[in-house]
Amino acid sequence: MTTPNPVKQPVSADSAVIFHVDIKLSDGSAAESTRVHNKPARIRIGDGSVSPAFEAQLLGKSAGDKLTFTLAPEDAYGQPNPDNIYYLDRSKFNSDSPAEVGMIIGFTMPDGSELPGLIREVAGQSVTVDFNHPLAGQTLTFQLEILEVQ
């Protein structure tokens, strides 16, 4: 006697979804992957952690499904926000955290959390730090493998 295959639960409103994701830039180069450290992403549909356009790609899919889709910046990490660019005095930096263009430095926020900032420019005593997400402003291609739907 064979047992019937269990019905795969499709992604719907309020589902928790665990998946691997590979993110590529418009030139095809790799930007990010959960496979590097084998740490899948987990989201809950409707919680605001990803854009509605990203969620729409998942709806109706089930564990084992693989999908590829491209999102414009507004539907991925957004456009860079000029309000997230700060000009700091070079004296705020030291040999442990040098003010060098291209460096990503963690800045401690008032609540104790850490926010990474990218050093964009160093001019005299002024250091330009960009706190936008590094993928902001990028058109991105997402390759997902859904591992589990809860």
N, C-alpha and C. Protein backbone atom coordinates (compact mmCIF):
# COMPACT_ATOMS: atom_id res chain seq x y z
N MET A 1 0.85 -1.19 0.00
CA MET A 1 0.00 0.00 0.00
C MET A 1 0.88 1.24 0.00
N THR A 2 0.59 2.14 -0.90
CA THR A 2 1.36 3.38 -0.96
C THR A 2 0.61 4.48 -0.24
N THR A 3 1.39 5.34 0.37
CA THR A 3 0.75 6.48 1.03
C THR A 3 0.73 7.64 0.06
N PRO A 4 -0.33 8.41 0.07
CA PRO A 4 -0.40 9.55 -0.85
C PRO A 4 0.64 10.58 -0.49
N ASN A 5 1.11 11.31 -1.51
CA ASN A 5 2.05 12.40 -1.26
C ASN A 5 1.34 13.49 -0.49
N PRO A 6 2.02 14.04 0.53
CA PRO A 6 1.38 15.14 1.26
C PRO A 6 1.19 16.34 0.34
N VAL A 7 0.13 17.06 0.57
CA VAL A 7 -0.15 18.26 -0.22
C VAL A 7 0.82 19.34 0.22
N LYS A 8 1.50 19.94 -0.75
CA LYS A 8 2.43 21.02 -0.43
C LYS A 8 1.63 22.28 -0.16
N GLN A 9 1.96 22.90 0.95
CA GLN A 9 1.27 24.14 1.33
C GLN A 9 1.80 25.29 0.50
N PRO A 10 0.92 25.97 -0.24
CA PRO A 10 1.40 27.13 -1.02
C PRO A 10 1.59 28.36 -0.13
N VAL A 11 2.46 29.24 -0.57
CA VAL A 11 2.67 30.51 0.12
C VAL A 11 1.40 31.35 0.00
N SER A 12 0.93 31.86 1.13
CA SER A 12 -0.25 32.72 1.15
C SER A 12 -0.03 33.82 2.18
N ALA A 13 -1.02 34.69 2.32
CA ALA A 13 -0.92 35.78 3.29
C ALA A 13 -0.60 35.20 4.66
N ASP A 14 0.37 35.78 5.34
CA ASP A 14 0.78 35.40 6.69
C ASP A 14 1.62 34.11 6.74
N SER A 15 1.99 33.53 5.59
CA SER A 15 2.89 32.37 5.59
C SER A 15 4.28 32.80 6.03
N ALA A 16 4.98 31.90 6.71
CA ALA A 16 6.41 32.06 6.93
C ALA A 16 7.08 31.25 5.83
N VAL A 17 8.07 31.85 5.18
CA VAL A 17 8.73 31.21 4.05
C VAL A 17 10.24 31.18 4.32
N ILE A 18 10.83 29.99 4.19
CA ILE A 18 12.27 29.83 4.34
C ILE A 18 12.81 29.48 2.97
N PHE A 19 13.84 30.23 2.53
CA PHE A 19 14.34 30.04 1.17
C PHE A 19 15.80 30.42 1.07
N HIS A 20 16.46 29.84 0.07
CA HIS A 20 17.79 30.30 -0.32
C HIS A 20 17.59 31.33 -1.41
N VAL A 21 18.46 32.34 -1.42
CA VAL A 21 18.37 33.37 -2.45
C VAL A 21 19.77 33.76 -2.92
N ASP A 22 19.89 33.90 -4.23
CA ASP A 22 21.08 34.44 -4.85
C ASP A 22 20.65 35.74 -5.51
N ILE A 23 21.36 36.83 -5.21
CA ILE A 23 21.02 38.14 -5.77
C ILE A 23 22.13 38.53 -6.74
N LYS A 24 21.72 38.93 -7.95
CA LYS A 24 22.69 39.34 -8.97
C LYS A 24 22.39 40.76 -9.42
N LEU A 25 23.48 41.48 -9.73
CA LEU A 25 23.37 42.83 -10.26
C LEU A 25 22.99 42.75 -11.74
N SER A 26 22.64 43.90 -12.31
CA SER A 26 22.20 43.92 -13.71
C SER A 26 23.28 43.45 -14.68
N ASP A 27 24.56 43.51 -14.28
CA ASP A 27 25.64 43.02 -15.15
C ASP A 27 25.87 41.52 -14.97
N GLY A 28 25.08 40.87 -14.11
CA GLY A 28 25.18 39.43 -13.91
C GLY A 28 26.11 39.02 -12.78
N SER A 29 26.82 39.99 -12.19
CA SER A 29 27.73 39.65 -11.11
C SER A 29 26.96 39.38 -9.81
N ALA A 30 27.52 38.51 -8.98
CA ALA A 30 26.87 38.13 -7.73
C ALA A 30 26.97 39.27 -6.72
N ALA A 31 25.85 39.56 -6.07
CA ALA A 31 25.82 40.60 -5.04
C ALA A 31 25.73 39.99 -3.65
N GLU A 32 24.96 38.90 -3.53
CA GLU A 32 24.71 38.31 -2.22
C GLU A 32 24.14 36.92 -2.42
N SER A 33 24.41 36.02 -1.47
CA SER A 33 23.84 34.68 -1.53
C SER A 33 23.74 34.10 -0.13
N THR A 34 22.59 33.51 0.17
CA THR A 34 22.43 32.83 1.46
C THR A 34 23.14 31.48 1.45
N ARG A 35 23.52 31.01 0.28
CA ARG A 35 24.18 29.70 0.17
C ARG A 35 25.63 29.74 0.65
N VAL A 36 26.25 30.91 0.64
CA VAL A 36 27.66 31.03 1.00
C VAL A 36 27.90 30.44 2.40
N HIS A 37 27.05 30.78 3.35
CA HIS A 37 27.19 30.27 4.72
C HIS A 37 26.07 29.29 5.06
N ASN A 38 25.34 28.84 4.03
CA ASN A 38 24.21 27.93 4.21
C ASN A 38 23.25 28.43 5.29
N LYS A 39 22.90 29.71 5.20
CA LYS A 39 21.95 30.31 6.14
C LYS A 39 20.78 30.86 5.35
N PRO A 40 19.74 30.04 5.15
CA PRO A 40 18.58 30.50 4.37
C PRO A 40 17.91 31.72 5.00
N ALA A 41 17.24 32.48 4.15
CA ALA A 41 16.46 33.63 4.61
C ALA A 41 15.10 33.14 5.10
N ARG A 42 14.51 33.91 5.99
CA ARG A 42 13.16 33.59 6.49
C ARG A 42 12.38 34.89 6.55
N ILE A 43 11.21 34.89 5.93
CA ILE A 43 10.33 36.06 6.00
C ILE A 43 8.93 35.60 6.35
N ARG A 44 8.12 36.53 6.79
CA ARG A 44 6.69 36.28 6.96
C ARG A 44 5.96 37.21 6.00
N ILE A 45 5.14 36.63 5.15
CA ILE A 45 4.39 37.41 4.17
C ILE A 45 3.54 38.44 4.91
N GLY A 46 3.64 39.70 4.48
CA GLY A 46 2.82 40.77 5.05
C GLY A 46 3.44 41.51 6.21
N ASP A 47 4.67 41.11 6.65
CA ASP A 47 5.25 41.79 7.81
C ASP A 47 6.04 43.04 7.45
N GLY A 48 6.16 43.33 6.14
CA GLY A 48 6.85 44.54 5.71
C GLY A 48 8.36 44.39 5.59
N SER A 49 8.89 43.19 5.82
CA SER A 49 10.35 43.01 5.75
C SER A 49 10.86 42.99 4.31
N VAL A 50 9.99 42.67 3.36
CA VAL A 50 10.33 42.75 1.93
C VAL A 50 9.21 43.50 1.23
N SER A 51 9.48 43.93 0.01
CA SER A 51 8.49 44.74 -0.72
C SER A 51 7.29 43.90 -1.15
N PRO A 52 6.14 44.55 -1.36
CA PRO A 52 4.98 43.83 -1.89
C PRO A 52 5.29 43.14 -3.22
N ALA A 53 6.14 43.74 -4.05
CA ALA A 53 6.48 43.13 -5.34
C ALA A 53 7.27 41.83 -5.13
N PHE A 54 8.14 41.80 -4.13
CA PHE A 54 8.89 40.59 -3.80
C PHE A 54 7.92 39.52 -3.30
N GLU A 55 7.04 39.89 -2.37
CA GLU A 55 6.06 38.95 -1.84
C GLU A 55 5.18 38.37 -2.94
N ALA A 56 4.77 39.21 -3.90
CA ALA A 56 3.89 38.76 -4.98
C ALA A 56 4.52 37.63 -5.78
N GLN A 57 5.85 37.64 -5.88
CA GLN A 57 6.54 36.58 -6.62
C GLN A 57 6.44 35.24 -5.89
N LEU A 58 6.28 35.27 -4.57
CA LEU A 58 6.25 34.06 -3.76
C LEU A 58 4.85 33.45 -3.63
N LEU A 59 3.83 34.29 -3.72
CA LEU A 59 2.46 33.80 -3.49
C LEU A 59 2.12 32.65 -4.42
N GLY A 60 1.57 31.58 -3.84
CA GLY A 60 1.16 30.41 -4.62
C GLY A 60 2.27 29.40 -4.84
N LYS A 61 3.52 29.77 -4.52
CA LYS A 61 4.63 28.83 -4.68
C LYS A 61 4.67 27.90 -3.48
N SER A 62 5.39 26.77 -3.62
CA SER A 62 5.47 25.77 -2.56
C SER A 62 6.92 25.35 -2.34
N ALA A 63 7.15 24.61 -1.25
CA ALA A 63 8.49 24.09 -0.96
C ALA A 63 8.98 23.29 -2.16
N GLY A 64 10.23 23.49 -2.53
CA GLY A 64 10.82 22.81 -3.67
C GLY A 64 10.79 23.64 -4.94
N ASP A 65 9.93 24.66 -5.00
CA ASP A 65 9.85 25.51 -6.19
C ASP A 65 11.10 26.38 -6.30
N LYS A 66 11.54 26.59 -7.54
CA LYS A 66 12.64 27.50 -7.83
C LYS A 66 12.10 28.57 -8.76
N LEU A 67 12.49 29.81 -8.51
CA LEU A 67 12.01 30.89 -9.35
C LEU A 67 13.08 31.96 -9.49
N THR A 68 13.01 32.68 -10.60
CA THR A 68 13.92 33.79 -10.89
C THR A 68 13.08 34.98 -11.31
N PHE A 69 13.37 36.14 -10.73
CA PHE A 69 12.65 37.35 -11.11
C PHE A 69 13.55 38.56 -10.91
N THR A 70 13.25 39.63 -11.63
CA THR A 70 14.03 40.87 -11.56
C THR A 70 13.14 41.97 -11.00
N LEU A 71 13.71 42.76 -10.09
CA LEU A 71 12.97 43.87 -9.49
C LEU A 71 13.71 45.18 -9.72
N ALA A 72 12.95 46.22 -10.00
CA ALA A 72 13.48 47.58 -10.11
C ALA A 72 13.91 48.04 -8.71
N PRO A 73 14.78 49.04 -8.62
CA PRO A 73 15.24 49.50 -7.31
C PRO A 73 14.11 49.79 -6.32
N GLU A 74 13.03 50.42 -6.81
CA GLU A 74 11.92 50.78 -5.92
C GLU A 74 11.28 49.55 -5.28
N ASP A 75 11.36 48.40 -5.93
CA ASP A 75 10.75 47.18 -5.41
C ASP A 75 11.76 46.27 -4.73
N ALA A 76 13.05 46.67 -4.74
CA ALA A 76 14.08 45.86 -4.10
C ALA A 76 14.53 46.59 -2.83
N TYR A 77 15.65 47.30 -2.88
CA TYR A 77 16.17 48.01 -1.70
C TYR A 77 15.92 49.51 -1.75
N GLY A 78 15.14 49.95 -2.74
CA GLY A 78 14.80 51.37 -2.84
C GLY A 78 15.90 52.18 -3.52
N GLN A 79 15.59 53.44 -3.71
CA GLN A 79 16.57 54.38 -4.26
C GLN A 79 17.42 54.92 -3.11
N PRO A 80 18.65 55.30 -3.39
CA PRO A 80 19.45 55.92 -2.33
C PRO A 80 18.76 57.18 -1.81
N ASN A 81 18.81 57.37 -0.52
CA ASN A 81 18.19 58.52 0.12
C ASN A 81 19.29 59.51 0.49
N PRO A 82 19.26 60.73 -0.06
CA PRO A 82 20.31 61.70 0.27
C PRO A 82 20.37 62.02 1.76
N ASP A 83 19.27 61.82 2.49
CA ASP A 83 19.28 62.08 3.94
C ASP A 83 20.11 61.05 4.70
N ASN A 84 20.50 59.95 4.03
CA ASN A 84 21.33 58.91 4.67
C ASN A 84 22.82 59.11 4.41
N ILE A 85 23.18 60.27 3.88
CA ILE A 85 24.58 60.61 3.65
C ILE A 85 24.97 61.68 4.66
N TYR A 86 26.02 61.37 5.42
CA TYR A 86 26.44 62.26 6.50
C TYR A 86 27.88 62.72 6.26
N TYR A 87 28.17 63.90 6.77
CA TYR A 87 29.51 64.47 6.69
C TYR A 87 30.04 64.55 8.12
N LEU A 88 31.08 63.77 8.40
CA LEU A 88 31.61 63.69 9.75
C LEU A 88 33.02 64.27 9.78
N ASP A 89 33.41 64.72 10.97
CA ASP A 89 34.76 65.24 11.16
C ASP A 89 35.76 64.08 11.21
N ARG A 90 36.87 64.23 10.54
CA ARG A 90 37.87 63.16 10.47
C ARG A 90 38.36 62.74 11.85
N SER A 91 38.27 63.62 12.84
CA SER A 91 38.72 63.29 14.19
C SER A 91 37.88 62.18 14.83
N LYS A 92 36.71 61.88 14.25
CA LYS A 92 35.84 60.80 14.77
C LYS A 92 36.40 59.42 14.43
N PHE A 93 37.43 59.37 13.58
CA PHE A 93 38.00 58.12 13.12
C PHE A 93 39.37 57.91 13.76
N ASN A 94 39.81 56.64 13.83
CA ASN A 94 41.12 56.34 14.41
C ASN A 94 41.78 55.21 13.62
N SER A 95 42.91 54.72 14.11
CA SER A 95 43.64 53.67 13.38
C SER A 95 42.85 52.37 13.31
N ASP A 96 41.97 52.10 14.28
CA ASP A 96 41.12 50.90 14.23
C ASP A 96 40.02 51.04 13.18
N SER A 97 39.55 52.25 12.99
CA SER A 97 38.50 52.55 12.00
C SER A 97 38.96 53.74 11.16
N PRO A 98 39.88 53.50 10.23
CA PRO A 98 40.42 54.63 9.45
C PRO A 98 39.41 55.17 8.45
N ALA A 99 39.53 56.45 8.18
CA ALA A 99 38.66 57.11 7.20
C ALA A 99 39.29 56.94 5.82
N GLU A 100 39.05 55.77 5.20
CA GLU A 100 39.59 55.50 3.87
C GLU A 100 38.43 55.20 2.93
N VAL A 101 38.45 55.82 1.74
CA VAL A 101 37.40 55.62 0.75
C VAL A 101 37.22 54.12 0.47
N GLY A 102 35.97 53.68 0.49
CA GLY A 102 35.65 52.28 0.22
C GLY A 102 35.51 51.42 1.46
N MET A 103 35.98 51.91 2.60
CA MET A 103 35.87 51.15 3.85
C MET A 103 34.41 51.15 4.32
N ILE A 104 33.97 50.03 4.89
CA ILE A 104 32.67 49.96 5.54
C ILE A 104 32.94 49.87 7.03
N ILE A 105 32.39 50.81 7.76
CA ILE A 105 32.64 50.91 9.20
C ILE A 105 31.31 50.83 9.93
N GLY A 106 31.28 50.09 11.04
CA GLY A 106 30.10 50.00 11.88
C GLY A 106 30.06 51.18 12.84
N PHE A 107 28.96 51.90 12.84
CA PHE A 107 28.78 53.05 13.74
C PHE A 107 27.74 52.66 14.79
N THR A 108 28.06 52.89 16.04
CA THR A 108 27.14 52.57 17.13
C THR A 108 26.07 53.65 17.20
N MET A 109 24.82 53.21 17.17
CA MET A 109 23.68 54.12 17.21
C MET A 109 23.31 54.39 18.67
N PRO A 110 22.48 55.43 18.94
CA PRO A 110 22.09 55.75 20.32
C PRO A 110 21.42 54.57 21.06
N ASP A 111 20.73 53.69 20.32
CA ASP A 111 20.06 52.57 20.97
C ASP A 111 21.00 51.37 21.18
N GLY A 112 22.29 51.54 20.80
CA GLY A 112 23.26 50.47 20.99
C GLY A 112 23.44 49.57 19.78
N SER A 113 22.54 49.67 18.80
CA SER A 113 22.68 48.85 17.60
C SER A 113 23.80 49.41 16.73
N GLU A 114 24.24 48.60 15.77
CA GLU A 114 25.32 49.04 14.90
C GLU A 114 24.78 49.21 13.48
N LEU A 115 25.18 50.30 12.84
CA LEU A 115 24.76 50.59 11.47
C LEU A 115 26.00 50.74 10.60
N PRO A 116 26.09 49.92 9.52
CA PRO A 116 27.27 50.05 8.66
C PRO A 116 27.17 51.28 7.76
N GLY A 117 28.30 51.95 7.61
CA GLY A 117 28.38 53.11 6.73
C GLY A 117 29.57 52.96 5.80
N LEU A 118 29.38 53.34 4.55
CA LEU A 118 30.43 53.26 3.53
C LEU A 118 31.10 54.63 3.40
N ILE A 119 32.42 54.66 3.53
CA ILE A 119 33.17 55.90 3.36
C ILE A 119 33.22 56.21 1.85
N ARG A 120 32.55 57.29 1.45
CA ARG A 120 32.48 57.67 0.03
C ARG A 120 33.58 58.64 -0.37
N GLU A 121 33.94 59.55 0.56
CA GLU A 121 34.91 60.58 0.21
C GLU A 121 35.60 61.07 1.48
N VAL A 122 36.89 61.39 1.34
CA VAL A 122 37.65 62.03 2.41
C VAL A 122 38.28 63.28 1.80
N ALA A 123 37.89 64.45 2.32
CA ALA A 123 38.42 65.72 1.81
C ALA A 123 38.82 66.57 3.01
N GLY A 124 40.12 66.69 3.22
CA GLY A 124 40.60 67.45 4.37
C GLY A 124 40.14 66.79 5.65
N GLN A 125 39.42 67.56 6.47
CA GLN A 125 38.92 67.04 7.74
C GLN A 125 37.48 66.52 7.63
N SER A 126 36.92 66.51 6.42
CA SER A 126 35.53 66.07 6.22
C SER A 126 35.50 64.65 5.62
N VAL A 127 34.69 63.79 6.22
CA VAL A 127 34.53 62.42 5.75
C VAL A 127 33.06 62.22 5.38
N THR A 128 32.80 61.80 4.12
CA THR A 128 31.44 61.55 3.67
C THR A 128 31.12 60.07 3.90
N VAL A 129 30.06 59.81 4.69
CA VAL A 129 29.67 58.45 5.02
C VAL A 129 28.25 58.21 4.50
N ASP A 130 28.10 57.12 3.75
CA ASP A 130 26.81 56.77 3.13
C ASP A 130 26.21 55.60 3.92
N PHE A 131 25.03 55.84 4.52
CA PHE A 131 24.34 54.82 5.30
C PHE A 131 23.21 54.14 4.51
N ASN A 132 23.11 54.41 3.21
CA ASN A 132 22.13 53.71 2.38
C ASN A 132 22.53 52.24 2.27
N HIS A 133 21.55 51.36 2.03
CA HIS A 133 21.86 49.95 1.79
C HIS A 133 22.76 49.89 0.56
N PRO A 134 23.80 49.03 0.57
CA PRO A 134 24.71 48.97 -0.58
C PRO A 134 24.02 48.61 -1.90
N LEU A 135 22.86 47.95 -1.85
CA LEU A 135 22.16 47.58 -3.08
C LEU A 135 21.06 48.57 -3.46
N ALA A 136 20.94 49.66 -2.70
CA ALA A 136 19.95 50.70 -3.05
C ALA A 136 20.29 51.27 -4.42
N GLY A 137 19.26 51.50 -5.22
CA GLY A 137 19.45 52.07 -6.55
C GLY A 137 19.77 51.05 -7.63
N GLN A 138 19.84 49.78 -7.26
CA GLN A 138 20.21 48.73 -8.21
C GLN A 138 18.99 47.96 -8.70
N THR A 139 18.95 47.63 -9.99
CA THR A 139 17.99 46.66 -10.51
C THR A 139 18.60 45.29 -10.24
N LEU A 140 17.85 44.43 -9.55
CA LEU A 140 18.41 43.17 -9.07
C LEU A 140 17.62 41.96 -9.58
N THR A 141 18.34 40.88 -9.85
CA THR A 141 17.72 39.60 -10.20
C THR A 141 17.86 38.67 -9.01
N PHE A 142 16.74 38.10 -8.61
CA PHE A 142 16.67 37.20 -7.47
C PHE A 142 16.43 35.78 -7.98
N GLN A 143 17.24 34.84 -7.52
CA GLN A 143 17.03 33.42 -7.80
C GLN A 143 16.74 32.77 -6.47
N LEU A 144 15.52 32.23 -6.33
CA LEU A 144 15.09 31.66 -5.06
C LEU A 144 14.83 30.17 -5.19
N GLU A 145 15.10 29.47 -4.11
CA GLU A 145 14.69 28.08 -3.94
C GLU A 145 13.93 28.02 -2.63
N ILE A 146 12.64 27.75 -2.70
CA ILE A 146 11.82 27.71 -1.50
C ILE A 146 12.05 26.39 -0.79
N LEU A 147 12.46 26.47 0.46
CA LEU A 147 12.79 25.27 1.24
C LEU A 147 11.61 24.81 2.08
N GLU A 148 10.88 25.80 2.65
CA GLU A 148 9.79 25.44 3.56
C GLU A 148 8.75 26.54 3.61
N VAL A 149 7.51 26.15 3.70
CA VAL A 149 6.38 27.08 3.87
C VAL A 149 5.66 26.67 5.13
N GLN A 150 5.48 27.61 6.05
CA GLN A 150 4.80 27.31 7.32
C GLN A 150 3.54 28.11 7.46
